[in-house]
Amino acid sequence: MWTAVYITQSRSLADQLQKRLLAEGLLAKLKYVGDKRNPVRNFEIVVPESESS
């Protein structure tokens, strides 16, 4: 299972945070959260539950 550790509306900030987590040796990926009909975009940075404790 994956756990969200940060949510942002900025894709560039999400990319920066993901790169920082990867540089620290944590497995991290971005997940788009939203509805195509809704103009608000959110990106979750998610990590495996085993790494979020």
C-alpha atoms as a PDB file:
ATOM      1  CA  MET A   1       0.000   0.000   0.000  1.00  0.00           C
ATOM      2  CA  TRP A   2       1.080   3.563  -0.701  1.00  0.00           C
ATOM      3  CA  THR A   3       0.626   6.490   1.681  1.00  0.00           C
ATOM      4  CA  ALA A   4       0.377  10.157   0.730  1.00  0.00           C
ATOM      5  CA  VAL A   5       3.020  12.239   2.491  1.00  0.00           C
ATOM      6  CA  TYR A   6       2.346  15.564   0.751  1.00  0.00           C
ATOM      7  CA  ILE A   7      -0.343  17.118  -1.449  1.00  0.00           C
ATOM      8  CA  THR A   8       0.201  20.153  -3.659  1.00  0.00           C
ATOM      9  CA  GLN A   9      -1.454  21.905  -6.586  1.00  0.00           C
ATOM     10  CA  SER A  10       1.922  22.678  -8.163  1.00  0.00           C
ATOM     11  CA  ARG A  11       3.350  20.060 -10.506  1.00  0.00           C
ATOM     12  CA  SER A  12       6.816  21.626 -10.317  1.00  0.00           C
ATOM     13  CA  LEU A  13       6.811  21.492  -6.495  1.00  0.00           C
ATOM     14  CA  ALA A  14       5.624  17.880  -6.607  1.00  0.00           C
ATOM     15  CA  ASP A  15       8.489  17.016  -8.972  1.00  0.00           C
ATOM     16  CA  GLN A  16      11.028  18.749  -6.708  1.00  0.00           C
ATOM     17  CA  LEU A  17       9.792  16.928  -3.618  1.00  0.00           C
ATOM     18  CA  GLN A  18       9.809  13.586  -5.393  1.00  0.00           C
ATOM     19  CA  LYS A  19      13.402  14.134  -6.563  1.00  0.00           C
ATOM     20  CA  ARG A  20      14.474  15.073  -3.041  1.00  0.00           C
ATOM     21  CA  LEU A  21      12.895  11.939  -1.559  1.00  0.00           C
ATOM     22  CA  LEU A  22      14.509   9.770  -4.239  1.00  0.00           C
ATOM     23  CA  ALA A  23      17.890  11.409  -3.552  1.00  0.00           C
ATOM     24  CA  GLU A  24      17.478  10.438   0.122  1.00  0.00           C
ATOM     25  CA  GLY A  25      16.902   6.815  -0.879  1.00  0.00           C
ATOM     26  CA  LEU A  26      13.125   6.719  -0.432  1.00  0.00           C
ATOM     27  CA  LEU A  27      10.873   5.187  -3.025  1.00  0.00           C
ATOM     28  CA  ALA A  28       8.404   7.899  -4.047  1.00  0.00           C
ATOM     29  CA  LYS A  29       6.003   8.522  -6.889  1.00  0.00           C
ATOM     30  CA  LEU A  30       3.516  11.163  -7.962  1.00  0.00           C
ATOM     31  CA  LYS A  31      -0.185  10.525  -8.146  1.00  0.00           C
ATOM     32  CA  TYR A  32      -2.576  12.884  -9.911  1.00  0.00           C
ATOM     33  CA  VAL A  33      -5.709  13.429  -7.853  1.00  0.00           C
ATOM     34  CA  GLY A  34      -8.639  15.189  -9.375  1.00  0.00           C
ATOM     35  CA  ASP A  35     -11.418  15.214 -11.847  1.00  0.00           C
ATOM     36  CA  LYS A  36     -10.990  16.220 -15.478  1.00  0.00           C
ATOM     37  CA  ARG A  37     -14.092  18.396 -15.121  1.00  0.00           C
ATOM     38  CA  ASN A  38     -12.647  20.251 -12.135  1.00  0.00           C
ATOM     39  CA  PRO A  39      -9.938  22.825 -12.969  1.00  0.00           C
ATOM     40  CA  VAL A  40      -8.192  22.294  -9.598  1.00  0.00           C
ATOM     41  CA  ARG A  41      -5.373  19.792  -9.909  1.00  0.00           C
ATOM     42  CA  ASN A  42      -3.767  18.119  -6.948  1.00  0.00           C
ATOM     43  CA  PHE A  43      -0.693  15.950  -6.905  1.00  0.00           C
ATOM     44  CA  GLU A  44       0.069  13.538  -4.104  1.00  0.00           C
ATOM     45  CA  ILE A  45       3.582  12.449  -3.304  1.00  0.00           C
ATOM     46  CA  VAL A  46       3.176   8.870  -2.159  1.00  0.00           C
ATOM     47  CA  VAL A  47       5.584   6.444  -0.532  1.00  0.00           C
ATOM     48  CA  PRO A  48       5.185   2.811   0.513  1.00  0.00           C
ATOM     49  CA  GLU A  49       3.663   2.453   3.974  1.00  0.00           C
ATOM     50  CA  SER A  50       6.841   0.732   5.144  1.00  0.00           C
ATOM     51  CA  GLU A  51       8.804   3.923   4.420  1.00  0.00           C
ATOM     52  CA  SER A  52       6.286   6.375   5.885  1.00  0.00           C
ATOM     53  CA  SER A  53       6.701   5.407   9.548  1.00  0.00           C
END
